[in-house]
Amino acid sequence: MQEAGSSRAKEASGGDERTMVLKFQSVGAKSTTEVLVKSYKPLAQGLETYGKEEGIQTSRLKLVFDGEVLDTNLSPLDLSLEDGDIVDVR
């Protein structure tokens, strides 16, 4: 049985199970921005996509998940992130 989030990411990517949706939320924001990322590519690519969508410079931003700063040179798979996870942007 597939989870709803997994099927949503698969549909959004045209069936590619290696693609997932991460939700980026900036500090103090009540809403999130969904970013489609390749699970095996560096998280930095997802951060760049977020910056373009939000119109912000990403060079000084940090991604935080469960209180830990994420290494954006690692992939979501390397970091054990799952489809639909909310990542804080600081």
N, C-alpha and C. Protein backbone atom coordinates (compact mmCIF):
# COMPACT_ATOMS: atom_id res chain seq x y z
N MET A 1 0.84 -1.18 0.00
CA MET A 1 0.00 0.00 0.00
C MET A 1 0.89 1.25 0.00
N GLN A 2 0.64 2.18 -0.94
CA GLN A 2 1.42 3.40 -1.02
C GLN A 2 0.79 4.49 -0.18
N GLU A 3 1.64 5.34 0.38
CA GLU A 3 1.15 6.50 1.12
C GLU A 3 0.70 7.55 0.13
N ALA A 4 -0.22 8.42 0.54
CA ALA A 4 -0.73 9.47 -0.33
C ALA A 4 0.37 10.39 -0.81
N GLY A 5 1.31 10.75 0.06
CA GLY A 5 2.39 11.65 -0.32
C GLY A 5 3.28 11.05 -1.38
N SER A 6 3.56 9.76 -1.27
CA SER A 6 4.40 9.08 -2.25
C SER A 6 3.74 9.07 -3.61
N SER A 7 2.45 8.82 -3.67
CA SER A 7 1.78 8.79 -4.96
C SER A 7 1.68 10.20 -5.54
N ARG A 8 1.54 11.22 -4.70
CA ARG A 8 1.49 12.60 -5.19
C ARG A 8 2.81 12.97 -5.83
N ALA A 9 3.91 12.63 -5.20
CA ALA A 9 5.22 12.94 -5.76
C ALA A 9 5.44 12.17 -7.05
N LYS A 10 5.00 10.92 -7.08
CA LYS A 10 5.16 10.10 -8.27
C LYS A 10 4.35 10.69 -9.42
N GLU A 11 3.12 11.13 -9.14
CA GLU A 11 2.28 11.74 -10.18
C GLU A 11 2.90 13.04 -10.66
N ALA A 12 3.39 13.87 -9.74
CA ALA A 12 3.95 15.17 -10.10
C ALA A 12 5.21 15.02 -10.94
N SER A 13 5.91 13.93 -10.79
CA SER A 13 7.16 13.73 -11.51
C SER A 13 6.97 12.87 -12.75
N GLY A 14 5.74 12.57 -13.11
CA GLY A 14 5.50 11.75 -14.27
C GLY A 14 5.82 10.29 -14.01
N GLY A 15 5.74 9.85 -12.76
CA GLY A 15 5.95 8.45 -12.43
C GLY A 15 7.33 8.12 -11.93
N ASP A 16 8.21 9.07 -11.81
CA ASP A 16 9.58 8.83 -11.35
C ASP A 16 9.59 8.74 -9.83
N GLU A 17 9.79 7.54 -9.29
CA GLU A 17 9.76 7.35 -7.85
C GLU A 17 10.97 7.96 -7.15
N ARG A 18 11.94 8.42 -7.91
CA ARG A 18 13.12 9.04 -7.31
C ARG A 18 12.90 10.52 -7.05
N THR A 19 11.72 11.02 -7.35
CA THR A 19 11.37 12.41 -7.13
C THR A 19 10.44 12.50 -5.93
N MET A 20 10.65 13.54 -5.12
CA MET A 20 9.83 13.71 -3.93
C MET A 20 9.51 15.18 -3.72
N VAL A 21 8.52 15.44 -2.90
CA VAL A 21 8.13 16.80 -2.55
C VAL A 21 8.60 17.09 -1.13
N LEU A 22 9.36 18.17 -0.98
CA LEU A 22 9.73 18.67 0.34
C LEU A 22 9.02 20.00 0.53
N LYS A 23 8.62 20.28 1.74
CA LYS A 23 7.93 21.54 2.05
C LYS A 23 8.91 22.43 2.79
N PHE A 24 9.24 23.57 2.20
CA PHE A 24 10.17 24.52 2.79
C PHE A 24 9.35 25.60 3.49
N GLN A 25 9.72 25.87 4.74
CA GLN A 25 9.00 26.88 5.53
C GLN A 25 10.01 27.83 6.15
N SER A 26 9.86 29.12 5.85
CA SER A 26 10.77 30.08 6.46
C SER A 26 10.30 30.42 7.86
N VAL A 27 11.23 30.83 8.70
CA VAL A 27 10.95 31.13 10.10
C VAL A 27 9.87 32.22 10.18
N GLY A 28 8.86 31.96 10.96
CA GLY A 28 7.78 32.92 11.14
C GLY A 28 6.67 32.81 10.11
N ALA A 29 6.88 32.03 9.06
CA ALA A 29 5.86 31.89 8.02
C ALA A 29 4.84 30.84 8.44
N LYS A 30 3.59 31.07 8.07
CA LYS A 30 2.54 30.12 8.41
C LYS A 30 2.32 29.12 7.27
N SER A 31 2.82 29.46 6.09
CA SER A 31 2.62 28.57 4.95
C SER A 31 3.95 27.97 4.50
N THR A 32 3.85 26.93 3.70
CA THR A 32 5.04 26.27 3.18
C THR A 32 5.07 26.39 1.66
N THR A 33 6.25 26.22 1.10
CA THR A 33 6.42 26.18 -0.34
C THR A 33 6.85 24.76 -0.70
N GLU A 34 6.07 24.10 -1.54
CA GLU A 34 6.40 22.74 -1.94
C GLU A 34 7.42 22.78 -3.07
N VAL A 35 8.48 22.01 -2.90
CA VAL A 35 9.55 21.96 -3.90
C VAL A 35 9.74 20.51 -4.31
N LEU A 36 9.70 20.27 -5.62
CA LEU A 36 9.92 18.95 -6.18
C LEU A 36 11.42 18.74 -6.30
N VAL A 37 11.95 17.69 -5.67
CA VAL A 37 13.39 17.43 -5.67
C VAL A 37 13.66 15.98 -6.07
N LYS A 38 14.82 15.77 -6.65
CA LYS A 38 15.28 14.40 -6.92
C LYS A 38 15.87 13.88 -5.63
N SER A 39 15.46 12.71 -5.23
CA SER A 39 15.88 12.16 -3.94
C SER A 39 17.37 11.84 -3.88
N TYR A 40 18.02 11.71 -5.03
CA TYR A 40 19.43 11.35 -5.09
C TYR A 40 20.35 12.52 -5.43
N LYS A 41 19.78 13.71 -5.64
CA LYS A 41 20.57 14.91 -5.96
C LYS A 41 20.81 15.74 -4.70
N PRO A 42 21.87 16.55 -4.67
CA PRO A 42 22.13 17.38 -3.48
C PRO A 42 20.95 18.28 -3.13
N LEU A 43 20.70 18.41 -1.86
CA LEU A 43 19.61 19.24 -1.36
C LEU A 43 19.77 20.70 -1.78
N ALA A 44 20.99 21.11 -2.08
CA ALA A 44 21.26 22.48 -2.53
C ALA A 44 20.43 22.83 -3.77
N GLN A 45 20.16 21.84 -4.63
CA GLN A 45 19.35 22.10 -5.83
C GLN A 45 17.92 22.46 -5.44
N GLY A 46 17.38 21.79 -4.45
CA GLY A 46 16.04 22.12 -3.97
C GLY A 46 16.00 23.50 -3.33
N LEU A 47 17.07 23.85 -2.62
CA LEU A 47 17.15 25.18 -2.00
C LEU A 47 17.20 26.27 -3.06
N GLU A 48 17.93 26.03 -4.15
CA GLU A 48 17.99 26.99 -5.25
C GLU A 48 16.62 27.17 -5.89
N THR A 49 15.90 26.07 -6.06
CA THR A 49 14.54 26.14 -6.61
C THR A 49 13.65 26.97 -5.70
N TYR A 50 13.76 26.73 -4.40
CA TYR A 50 12.98 27.49 -3.42
C TYR A 50 13.30 28.98 -3.53
N GLY A 51 14.59 29.31 -3.60
CA GLY A 51 15.00 30.71 -3.71
C GLY A 51 14.44 31.39 -4.94
N LYS A 52 14.44 30.70 -6.06
CA LYS A 52 13.89 31.26 -7.29
C LYS A 52 12.39 31.49 -7.17
N GLU A 53 11.69 30.52 -6.60
CA GLU A 53 10.24 30.64 -6.44
C GLU A 53 9.87 31.77 -5.49
N GLU A 54 10.67 31.98 -4.45
CA GLU A 54 10.38 33.00 -3.45
C GLU A 54 11.06 34.33 -3.76
N GLY A 55 11.95 34.35 -4.76
CA GLY A 55 12.64 35.57 -5.12
C GLY A 55 13.65 36.02 -4.08
N ILE A 56 14.34 35.06 -3.45
CA ILE A 56 15.31 35.40 -2.41
C ILE A 56 16.67 34.79 -2.71
N GLN A 57 17.70 35.42 -2.20
CA GLN A 57 19.07 34.92 -2.31
C GLN A 57 19.26 33.78 -1.31
N THR A 58 19.83 32.68 -1.75
CA THR A 58 19.93 31.51 -0.89
C THR A 58 21.32 31.28 -0.29
N SER A 59 22.29 32.11 -0.64
CA SER A 59 23.67 31.84 -0.22
C SER A 59 23.86 31.82 1.30
N ARG A 60 23.05 32.55 2.04
CA ARG A 60 23.21 32.59 3.50
C ARG A 60 22.16 31.76 4.24
N LEU A 61 21.31 31.10 3.50
CA LEU A 61 20.23 30.33 4.14
C LEU A 61 20.73 28.98 4.61
N LYS A 62 20.10 28.51 5.68
CA LYS A 62 20.38 27.18 6.22
C LYS A 62 19.07 26.41 6.23
N LEU A 63 19.17 25.12 6.01
CA LEU A 63 18.01 24.25 6.12
C LEU A 63 18.11 23.47 7.42
N VAL A 64 17.01 23.43 8.15
CA VAL A 64 16.98 22.76 9.46
C VAL A 64 15.83 21.77 9.47
N PHE A 65 16.13 20.56 9.93
CA PHE A 65 15.10 19.52 10.05
C PHE A 65 15.25 18.85 11.40
N ASP A 66 14.18 18.80 12.14
CA ASP A 66 14.19 18.23 13.50
C ASP A 66 15.29 18.83 14.37
N GLY A 67 15.50 20.15 14.23
CA GLY A 67 16.46 20.86 15.07
C GLY A 67 17.90 20.76 14.62
N GLU A 68 18.18 20.03 13.53
CA GLU A 68 19.55 19.88 13.07
C GLU A 68 19.74 20.57 11.73
N VAL A 69 20.86 21.30 11.60
CA VAL A 69 21.19 21.95 10.34
C VAL A 69 21.59 20.86 9.34
N LEU A 70 21.00 20.93 8.15
CA LEU A 70 21.26 19.94 7.12
C LEU A 70 22.43 20.34 6.23
N ASP A 71 23.22 19.38 5.83
CA ASP A 71 24.30 19.58 4.88
C ASP A 71 23.68 19.54 3.49
N THR A 72 23.61 20.68 2.81
CA THR A 72 22.94 20.74 1.51
C THR A 72 23.74 20.07 0.40
N ASN A 73 24.94 19.60 0.70
CA ASN A 73 25.70 18.83 -0.29
C ASN A 73 25.24 17.37 -0.33
N LEU A 74 24.44 16.98 0.66
CA LEU A 74 23.91 15.62 0.73
C LEU A 74 22.52 15.58 0.10
N SER A 75 22.12 14.40 -0.31
CA SER A 75 20.80 14.23 -0.93
C SER A 75 19.74 13.97 0.14
N PRO A 76 18.47 14.15 -0.23
CA PRO A 76 17.40 13.78 0.71
C PRO A 76 17.51 12.33 1.18
N LEU A 77 17.93 11.43 0.29
CA LEU A 77 18.11 10.03 0.70
C LEU A 77 19.21 9.90 1.74
N ASP A 78 20.34 10.61 1.51
CA ASP A 78 21.45 10.57 2.47
C ASP A 78 21.00 11.06 3.85
N LEU A 79 20.07 12.02 3.85
CA LEU A 79 19.62 12.64 5.09
C LEU A 79 18.37 11.97 5.68
N SER A 80 17.93 10.89 5.06
CA SER A 80 16.73 10.15 5.49
C SER A 80 15.47 11.01 5.49
N LEU A 81 15.40 11.97 4.56
CA LEU A 81 14.19 12.78 4.42
C LEU A 81 13.17 11.98 3.64
N GLU A 82 11.91 12.22 3.92
CA GLU A 82 10.84 11.51 3.27
C GLU A 82 9.93 12.49 2.53
N ASP A 83 9.20 11.96 1.58
CA ASP A 83 8.25 12.77 0.82
C ASP A 83 7.30 13.48 1.77
N GLY A 84 7.15 14.78 1.58
CA GLY A 84 6.23 15.56 2.41
C GLY A 84 6.83 16.15 3.67
N ASP A 85 8.09 15.85 3.96
CA ASP A 85 8.72 16.41 5.15
C ASP A 85 8.78 17.93 5.07
N ILE A 86 8.65 18.59 6.21
CA ILE A 86 8.75 20.05 6.29
C ILE A 86 10.14 20.41 6.79
N VAL A 87 10.83 21.23 6.00
CA VAL A 87 12.19 21.65 6.30
C VAL A 87 12.15 23.16 6.57
N ASP A 88 12.71 23.56 7.71
CA ASP A 88 12.75 24.99 8.05
C ASP A 88 13.88 25.68 7.30
N VAL A 89 13.60 26.89 6.83
CA VAL A 89 14.60 27.71 6.13
C VAL A 89 14.93 28.87 7.04
N ARG A 90 16.22 29.01 7.37
CA ARG A 90 16.64 30.09 8.27
C ARG A 90 17.75 30.89 7.64
